[in-house]
C-alpha atoms as a PDB file:
ATOM      1  CA  LYS A   1     -55.624 -77.724 -87.065  1.00  0.00           C
ATOM      2  CA  TYR A   2     -53.752 -80.124 -89.345  1.00  0.00           C
ATOM      3  CA  ARG A   3     -56.331 -82.910 -89.180  1.00  0.00           C
ATOM      4  CA  TYR A   4     -59.166 -80.439 -89.747  1.00  0.00           C
ATOM      5  CA  ARG A   5     -57.477 -78.844 -92.744  1.00  0.00           C
ATOM      6  CA  SER A   6     -56.805 -82.207 -94.373  1.00  0.00           C
ATOM      7  CA  GLY A   7     -60.309 -83.523 -93.856  1.00  0.00           C
ATOM      8  CA  GLY A   8     -58.998 -86.206 -91.527  1.00  0.00           C
ATOM      9  CA  GLN A   9     -56.372 -87.517 -93.967  1.00  0.00           C
ATOM     10  CA  TYR A  10     -53.418 -86.521 -91.795  1.00  0.00           C
ATOM     11  CA  THR A  11     -52.849 -86.457 -88.056  1.00  0.00           C
ATOM     12  CA  CYS A  12     -50.451 -84.620 -85.782  1.00  0.00           C
ATOM     13  CA  PRO A  13     -49.499 -87.050 -83.000  1.00  0.00           C
ATOM     14  CA  VAL A  14     -47.160 -84.886 -80.953  1.00  0.00           C
ATOM     15  CA  VAL A  15     -46.883 -84.225 -77.207  1.00  0.00           C
ATOM     16  CA  VAL A  16     -45.392 -80.979 -75.927  1.00  0.00           C
ATOM     17  CA  ARG A  17     -44.351 -81.155 -72.275  1.00  0.00           C
ATOM     18  CA  MET A  18     -44.333 -77.771 -70.558  1.00  0.00           C
ATOM     19  CA  PRO A  19     -43.371 -76.889 -66.965  1.00  0.00           C
ATOM     20  CA  ILE A  20     -45.792 -74.343 -65.522  1.00  0.00           C
ATOM     21  CA  GLY A  21     -46.687 -72.533 -62.333  1.00  0.00           C
ATOM     22  CA  GLY A  22     -45.062 -71.084 -59.261  1.00  0.00           C
ATOM     23  CA  GLY A  23     -43.851 -72.331 -55.941  1.00  0.00           C
ATOM     24  CA  ILE A  24     -40.144 -72.599 -56.794  1.00  0.00           C
ATOM     25  CA  LYS A  25     -39.077 -68.944 -56.457  1.00  0.00           C
ATOM     26  CA  GLY A  26     -39.054 -68.366 -60.199  1.00  0.00           C
ATOM     27  CA  GLY A  27     -40.589 -64.925 -59.876  1.00  0.00           C
ATOM     28  CA  HIS A  28     -42.203 -63.347 -62.909  1.00  0.00           C
ATOM     29  CA  TYR A  29     -39.782 -65.119 -65.264  1.00  0.00           C
ATOM     30  CA  HIS A  30     -40.741 -68.763 -64.791  1.00  0.00           C
ATOM     31  CA  SER A  31     -43.975 -68.921 -62.792  1.00  0.00           C
ATOM     32  CA  GLN A  32     -46.783 -68.319 -65.266  1.00  0.00           C
ATOM     33  CA  SER A  33     -49.755 -70.648 -65.707  1.00  0.00           C
ATOM     34  CA  PRO A  34     -50.709 -70.322 -69.396  1.00  0.00           C
ATOM     35  CA  GLU A  35     -53.277 -73.117 -69.644  1.00  0.00           C
ATOM     36  CA  ALA A  36     -56.062 -70.735 -70.709  1.00  0.00           C
ATOM     37  CA  TYR A  37     -54.054 -69.718 -73.801  1.00  0.00           C
ATOM     38  CA  PHE A  38     -53.915 -73.281 -75.053  1.00  0.00           C
ATOM     39  CA  CYS A  39     -57.507 -74.107 -74.123  1.00  0.00           C
ATOM     40  CA  HIS A  40     -58.578 -71.367 -76.525  1.00  0.00           C
ATOM     41  CA  THR A  41     -56.978 -73.192 -79.482  1.00  0.00           C
ATOM     42  CA  ALA A  42     -59.300 -75.626 -81.246  1.00  0.00           C
ATOM     43  CA  GLY A  43     -57.720 -78.984 -81.994  1.00  0.00           C
ATOM     44  CA  LEU A  44     -55.408 -79.134 -78.990  1.00  0.00           C
ATOM     45  CA  LYS A  45     -55.780 -81.367 -75.971  1.00  0.00           C
ATOM     46  CA  VAL A  46     -54.614 -79.943 -72.648  1.00  0.00           C
ATOM     47  CA  VAL A  47     -53.594 -82.207 -69.763  1.00  0.00           C
ATOM     48  CA  VAL A  48     -52.483 -81.214 -66.234  1.00  0.00           C
ATOM     49  CA  PRO A  49     -51.547 -84.071 -63.861  1.00  0.00           C
ATOM     50  CA  SER A  50     -51.462 -83.622 -60.093  1.00  0.00           C
ATOM     51  CA  ASN A  51     -49.458 -86.640 -58.918  1.00  0.00           C
ATOM     52  CA  PRO A  52     -46.831 -89.108 -60.189  1.00  0.00           C
ATOM     53  CA  TYR A  53     -49.276 -91.949 -60.919  1.00  0.00           C
ATOM     54  CA  ASP A  54     -51.513 -89.742 -63.037  1.00  0.00           C
ATOM     55  CA  ALA A  55     -48.522 -88.127 -64.732  1.00  0.00           C
ATOM     56  CA  LYS A  56     -47.275 -91.427 -66.144  1.00  0.00           C
ATOM     57  CA  GLY A  57     -50.700 -92.769 -67.096  1.00  0.00           C
ATOM     58  CA  LEU A  58     -51.803 -89.553 -68.765  1.00  0.00           C
ATOM     59  CA  LEU A  59     -48.478 -89.088 -70.563  1.00  0.00           C
ATOM     60  CA  LEU A  60     -48.639 -92.579 -72.049  1.00  0.00           C
ATOM     61  CA  SER A  61     -52.205 -91.851 -73.158  1.00  0.00           C
ATOM     62  CA  ALA A  62     -51.115 -88.538 -74.652  1.00  0.00           C
ATOM     63  CA  ILE A  63     -48.390 -90.244 -76.686  1.00  0.00           C
ATOM     64  CA  ARG A  64     -51.039 -92.499 -78.230  1.00  0.00           C
ATOM     65  CA  GLN A  65     -53.275 -89.599 -79.333  1.00  0.00           C
ATOM     66  CA  GLU A  66     -53.619 -88.630 -82.993  1.00  0.00           C
ATOM     67  CA  ASP A  67     -53.962 -84.946 -82.111  1.00  0.00           C
ATOM     68  CA  PRO A  68     -51.399 -82.623 -80.484  1.00  0.00           C
ATOM     69  CA  VAL A  69     -51.398 -82.672 -76.693  1.00  0.00           C
ATOM     70  CA  ILE A  70     -50.135 -79.887 -74.449  1.00  0.00           C
ATOM     71  CA  PHE A  71     -48.909 -81.700 -71.341  1.00  0.00           C
ATOM     72  CA  LEU A  72     -48.567 -79.150 -68.542  1.00  0.00           C
ATOM     73  CA  GLU A  73     -46.366 -80.138 -65.599  1.00  0.00           C
ATOM     74  CA  PRO A  74     -46.591 -78.070 -62.378  1.00  0.00           C
ATOM     75  CA  LYS A  75     -42.980 -77.372 -61.435  1.00  0.00           C
ATOM     76  CA  ARG A  76     -43.620 -77.320 -57.705  1.00  0.00           C
ATOM     77  CA  LEU A  77     -44.653 -80.983 -57.894  1.00  0.00           C
ATOM     78  CA  TYR A  78     -41.451 -82.228 -59.522  1.00  0.00           C
ATOM     79  CA  ARG A  79     -39.768 -82.850 -56.172  1.00  0.00           C
ATOM     80  CA  ALA A  80     -42.708 -82.470 -53.814  1.00  0.00           C
ATOM     81  CA  ALA A  81     -45.308 -84.965 -55.061  1.00  0.00           C
ATOM     82  CA  LYS A  82     -44.805 -88.548 -53.920  1.00  0.00           C
ATOM     83  CA  GLY A  83     -46.651 -91.713 -54.836  1.00  0.00           C
ATOM     84  CA  GLU A  84     -46.326 -95.255 -56.092  1.00  0.00           C
ATOM     85  CA  VAL A  85     -45.859 -95.582 -59.851  1.00  0.00           C
ATOM     86  CA  PRO A  86     -46.020 -99.043 -61.465  1.00  0.00           C
ATOM     87  CA  GLU A  87     -43.139 -99.987 -63.735  1.00  0.00           C
ATOM     88  CA  ALA A  88     -45.529-101.610 -66.199  1.00  0.00           C
ATOM     89  CA  ASP A  89     -47.190 -99.794 -69.063  1.00  0.00           C
ATOM     90  CA  TYR A  90     -50.579 -98.335 -68.121  1.00  0.00           C
ATOM     91  CA  THR A  91     -52.751 -95.487 -69.350  1.00  0.00           C
ATOM     92  CA  LEU A  92     -55.364 -93.170 -67.902  1.00  0.00           C
ATOM     93  CA  PRO A  93     -58.129 -91.932 -70.198  1.00  0.00           C
ATOM     94  CA  ILE A  94     -57.839 -88.364 -71.411  1.00  0.00           C
ATOM     95  CA  GLY A  95     -61.036 -86.429 -70.818  1.00  0.00           C
ATOM     96  CA  VAL A  96     -61.985 -88.153 -67.554  1.00  0.00           C
ATOM     97  CA  ALA A  97     -61.834 -86.288 -64.237  1.00  0.00           C
ATOM     98  CA  GLU A  98     -61.297 -87.972 -60.881  1.00  0.00           C
ATOM     99  CA  VAL A  99     -63.267 -87.397 -57.698  1.00  0.00           C
ATOM    100  CA  VAL A 100     -60.394 -87.515 -55.218  1.00  0.00           C
ATOM    101  CA  ARG A 101     -62.586 -86.810 -52.191  1.00  0.00           C
ATOM    102  CA  THR A 102     -66.340 -87.161 -51.864  1.00  0.00           C
ATOM    103  CA  GLY A 103     -68.517 -84.664 -50.041  1.00  0.00           C
ATOM    104  CA  ALA A 104     -72.079 -83.416 -49.858  1.00  0.00           C
ATOM    105  CA  HIS A 105     -71.821 -79.701 -49.071  1.00  0.00           C
ATOM    106  CA  ALA A 106     -69.789 -78.151 -51.915  1.00  0.00           C
ATOM    107  CA  THR A 107     -67.908 -79.098 -55.081  1.00  0.00           C
ATOM    108  CA  VAL A 108     -64.321 -77.888 -55.456  1.00  0.00           C
ATOM    109  CA  LEU A 109     -63.009 -77.991 -59.029  1.00  0.00           C
ATOM    110  CA  THR A 110     -59.255 -77.848 -59.459  1.00  0.00           C
ATOM    111  CA  TYR A 111     -56.226 -79.350 -61.194  1.00  0.00           C
ATOM    112  CA  GLY A 112     -52.448 -79.638 -61.071  1.00  0.00           C
ATOM    113  CA  ALA A 113     -50.600 -78.304 -58.045  1.00  0.00           C
ATOM    114  CA  MET A 114     -53.813 -77.014 -56.488  1.00  0.00           C
ATOM    115  CA  VAL A 115     -55.190 -80.517 -55.893  1.00  0.00           C
ATOM    116  CA  PRO A 116     -53.121 -81.189 -52.728  1.00  0.00           C
ATOM    117  CA  VAL A 117     -53.891 -77.639 -51.576  1.00  0.00           C
ATOM    118  CA  CYS A 118     -57.625 -78.287 -51.889  1.00  0.00           C
ATOM    119  CA  LEU A 119     -57.352 -81.646 -50.157  1.00  0.00           C
ATOM    120  CA  GLU A 120     -55.658 -79.971 -47.197  1.00  0.00           C
ATOM    121  CA  ALA A 121     -58.425 -77.361 -47.133  1.00  0.00           C
ATOM    122  CA  ALA A 122     -61.014 -80.158 -47.139  1.00  0.00           C
ATOM    123  CA  ASP A 123     -59.341 -81.703 -44.091  1.00  0.00           C
ATOM    124  CA  GLN A 124     -59.662 -78.375 -42.271  1.00  0.00           C
ATOM    125  CA  LEU A 125     -63.307 -78.006 -43.256  1.00  0.00           C
ATOM    126  CA  ALA A 126     -64.152 -81.539 -42.152  1.00  0.00           C
ATOM    127  CA  GLN A 127     -63.270 -80.547 -38.589  1.00  0.00           C
ATOM    128  CA  GLU A 128     -66.083 -77.982 -38.836  1.00  0.00           C
ATOM    129  CA  GLY A 129     -68.581 -80.478 -40.211  1.00  0.00           C
ATOM    130  CA  ILE A 130     -68.282 -79.261 -43.815  1.00  0.00           C
ATOM    131  CA  GLU A 131     -67.639 -82.023 -46.336  1.00  0.00           C
ATOM    132  CA  ALA A 132     -66.231 -80.720 -49.616  1.00  0.00           C
ATOM    133  CA  GLU A 133     -66.085 -82.843 -52.750  1.00  0.00           C
ATOM    134  CA  ILE A 134     -62.751 -82.380 -54.542  1.00  0.00           C
ATOM    135  CA  ILE A 135     -62.598 -83.031 -58.283  1.00  0.00           C
ATOM    136  CA  ASP A 136     -59.240 -83.255 -60.034  1.00  0.00           C
ATOM    137  CA  LEU A 137     -60.052 -82.303 -63.626  1.00  0.00           C
ATOM    138  CA  ARG A 138     -56.794 -83.853 -64.930  1.00  0.00           C
ATOM    139  CA  THR A 139     -57.748 -82.865 -68.492  1.00  0.00           C
ATOM    140  CA  LEU A 140     -58.894 -79.349 -69.366  1.00  0.00           C
ATOM    141  CA  LEU A 141     -59.490 -80.136 -73.037  1.00  0.00           C
ATOM    142  CA  PRO A 142     -61.497 -82.254 -73.485  1.00  0.00           C
ATOM    143  CA  LEU A 143     -63.261 -81.433 -70.213  1.00  0.00           C
ATOM    144  CA  ASP A 144     -65.216 -84.061 -68.298  1.00  0.00           C
ATOM    145  CA  ILE A 145     -68.316 -81.905 -68.122  1.00  0.00           C
ATOM    146  CA  GLU A 146     -70.522 -84.807 -66.990  1.00  0.00           C
ATOM    147  CA  THR A 147     -68.556 -85.332 -63.778  1.00  0.00           C
ATOM    148  CA  VAL A 148     -68.411 -81.593 -63.095  1.00  0.00           C
ATOM    149  CA  ILE A 149     -72.112 -80.923 -63.590  1.00  0.00           C
ATOM    150  CA  GLY A 150     -73.195 -84.107 -61.851  1.00  0.00           C
ATOM    151  CA  SER A 151     -71.305 -83.149 -58.712  1.00  0.00           C
ATOM    152  CA  VAL A 152     -72.495 -79.536 -58.711  1.00  0.00           C
ATOM    153  CA  LYS A 153     -76.121 -80.597 -59.126  1.00  0.00           C
ATOM    154  CA  ARG A 154     -75.737 -82.881 -56.131  1.00  0.00           C
ATOM    155  CA  THR A 155     -73.975 -80.442 -53.783  1.00  0.00           C
ATOM    156  CA  GLY A 156     -75.616 -77.227 -55.012  1.00  0.00           C
ATOM    157  CA  ARG A 157     -72.409 -75.236 -54.549  1.00  0.00           C
ATOM    158  CA  ALA A 158     -69.181 -74.817 -56.510  1.00  0.00           C
ATOM    159  CA  VAL A 159     -65.735 -73.378 -55.847  1.00  0.00           C
ATOM    160  CA  VAL A 160     -63.133 -73.172 -58.627  1.00  0.00           C
ATOM    161  CA  VAL A 161     -59.440 -73.114 -57.694  1.00  0.00           C
ATOM    162  CA  HIS A 162     -56.384 -72.453 -59.882  1.00  0.00           C
ATOM    163  CA  GLU A 163     -53.156 -70.499 -59.498  1.00  0.00           C
ATOM    164  CA  ALA A 164     -53.416 -68.653 -62.810  1.00  0.00           C
ATOM    165  CA  PRO A 165     -54.711 -65.051 -62.683  1.00  0.00           C
ATOM    166  CA  ARG A 166     -58.430 -64.631 -62.129  1.00  0.00           C
ATOM    167  CA  THR A 167     -59.401 -62.619 -65.213  1.00  0.00           C
ATOM    168  CA  ALA A 168     -60.028 -64.878 -68.241  1.00  0.00           C
ATOM    169  CA  GLY A 169     -58.551 -67.850 -66.388  1.00  0.00           C
ATOM    170  CA  PHE A 170     -59.820 -71.364 -67.064  1.00  0.00           C
ATOM    171  CA  GLY A 171     -61.997 -71.020 -63.986  1.00  0.00           C
ATOM    172  CA  ALA A 172     -64.126 -68.461 -65.814  1.00  0.00           C
ATOM    173  CA  GLU A 173     -64.979 -71.113 -68.417  1.00  0.00           C
ATOM    174  CA  LEU A 174     -65.948 -73.527 -65.652  1.00  0.00           C
ATOM    175  CA  VAL A 175     -68.199 -70.899 -64.084  1.00  0.00           C
ATOM    176  CA  ALA A 176     -69.887 -70.265 -67.439  1.00  0.00           C
ATOM    177  CA  LEU A 177     -70.468 -73.971 -68.066  1.00  0.00           C
ATOM    178  CA  ILE A 178     -71.947 -74.497 -64.610  1.00  0.00           C
ATOM    179  CA  ASN A 179     -74.280 -71.540 -65.109  1.00  0.00           C
ATOM    180  CA  GLU A 180     -75.360 -72.951 -68.467  1.00  0.00           C
ATOM    181  CA  HIS A 181     -75.983 -76.507 -67.264  1.00  0.00           C
ATOM    182  CA  ALA A 182     -76.773 -76.317 -63.545  1.00  0.00           C
ATOM    183  CA  LEU A 183     -77.925 -72.784 -62.724  1.00  0.00           C
ATOM    184  CA  LEU A 184     -81.203 -73.799 -61.101  1.00  0.00           C
ATOM    185  CA  HIS A 185     -79.397 -76.290 -58.870  1.00  0.00           C
ATOM    186  CA  LEU A 186     -77.122 -73.680 -57.289  1.00  0.00           C
ATOM    187  CA  GLU A 187     -77.717 -72.651 -53.685  1.00  0.00           C
ATOM    188  CA  ALA A 188     -75.025 -69.940 -53.752  1.00  0.00           C
ATOM    189  CA  PRO A 189     -72.922 -67.958 -56.234  1.00  0.00           C
ATOM    190  CA  ILE A 190     -69.933 -69.829 -57.640  1.00  0.00           C
ATOM    191  CA  ALA A 191     -66.693 -68.824 -55.919  1.00  0.00           C
ATOM    192  CA  ARG A 192     -63.232 -68.546 -57.468  1.00  0.00           C
ATOM    193  CA  VAL A 193     -59.918 -68.845 -55.633  1.00  0.00           C
ATOM    194  CA  THR A 194     -57.094 -67.895 -57.983  1.00  0.00           C
ATOM    195  CA  GLY A 195     -53.860 -66.046 -58.418  1.00  0.00           C
ATOM    196  CA  TYR A 196     -54.090 -62.278 -58.684  1.00  0.00           C
ATOM    197  CA  ASP A 197     -54.187 -60.091 -61.786  1.00  0.00           C
ATOM    198  CA  THR A 198     -50.592 -58.972 -61.384  1.00  0.00           C
ATOM    199  CA  PRO A 199     -47.195 -60.124 -62.639  1.00  0.00           C
ATOM    200  CA  PHE A 200     -46.066 -63.063 -60.531  1.00  0.00           C
ATOM    201  CA  PRO A 201     -44.187 -61.627 -57.502  1.00  0.00           C
ATOM    202  CA  TYR A 202     -40.926 -63.100 -56.246  1.00  0.00           C
ATOM    203  CA  ALA A 203     -40.986 -61.844 -52.645  1.00  0.00           C
ATOM    204  CA  LEU A 204     -44.736 -62.366 -52.182  1.00  0.00           C
ATOM    205  CA  GLU A 205     -45.027 -65.734 -53.894  1.00  0.00           C
ATOM    206  CA  HIS A 206     -46.790 -67.418 -50.981  1.00  0.00           C
ATOM    207  CA  GLU A 207     -49.299 -64.574 -50.743  1.00  0.00           C
ATOM    208  CA  TYR A 208     -49.994 -64.810 -54.472  1.00  0.00           C
ATOM    209  CA  LEU A 209     -50.632 -68.544 -54.657  1.00  0.00           C
ATOM    210  CA  PRO A 210     -53.927 -69.944 -53.328  1.00  0.00           C
ATOM    211  CA  ASP A 211     -53.389 -71.745 -50.044  1.00  0.00           C
ATOM    212  CA  PRO A 212     -55.576 -74.068 -47.944  1.00  0.00           C
ATOM    213  CA  GLY A 213     -56.791 -71.146 -45.842  1.00  0.00           C
ATOM    214  CA  ARG A 214     -58.093 -69.186 -48.831  1.00  0.00           C
ATOM    215  CA  VAL A 215     -59.748 -72.266 -50.290  1.00  0.00           C
ATOM    216  CA  ALA A 216     -61.361 -73.229 -46.990  1.00  0.00           C
ATOM    217  CA  GLU A 217     -62.709 -69.716 -46.479  1.00  0.00           C
ATOM    218  CA  ALA A 218     -64.246 -69.664 -49.969  1.00  0.00           C
ATOM    219  CA  VAL A 219     -65.977 -72.987 -49.339  1.00  0.00           C
ATOM    220  CA  ARG A 220     -67.097 -71.816 -45.911  1.00  0.00           C
ATOM    221  CA  GLN A 221     -68.676 -68.641 -47.297  1.00  0.00           C
ATOM    222  CA  THR A 222     -70.351 -70.586 -50.085  1.00  0.00           C
ATOM    223  CA  VAL A 223     -71.836 -73.126 -47.695  1.00  0.00           C
ATOM    224  CA  HIS A 224     -73.093 -70.429 -45.300  1.00  0.00           C
ATOM    225  CA  TYR A 225     -74.410 -68.136 -48.050  1.00  0.00           C
END
């Protein structure tokens, strides 16, 4: 709020890197996904990369911002995600989503560690003749609403995927925005695939986290609605 309170005279160029999410046997101590908390705070920017290339480009962009940036890093990707990362300086624009897979039958909106999960689900669905479009939001605030709505209007169906609990998760905001901007284009109710409304379980971690099977089934039901 610093820039708002000063009428634009002062800025707050700070980046806070935060490890989030499950998948590393952290149980209910170190597995939360608190992105919705920060998205509710006006003045913040919230970034969630899904791969090494995006992580570097988005982080360098975040460092150049005049407003505070919450840079959320899915812990399960620290040693699992692989990809080529240039040594040179490069940036990726904050507030721009990426269509990581094109498709005509349904739009899948996701971010962070759920992107590879959704891509695997899309591979399964393709064997059944269902082509899902996967959008990596990359930035939650500001949100690339144009890319989101444009895709949903084209496919007529939407599935939102995140590992945070369902109730009041960021997916609920996506559902509301789609209903506001693309309701008459929908061919089926919007589906959500999320974590459950319980403390994060240690022994049942894999059952708690969305997996390709759950995502594929949600898309399948949406397409056949």
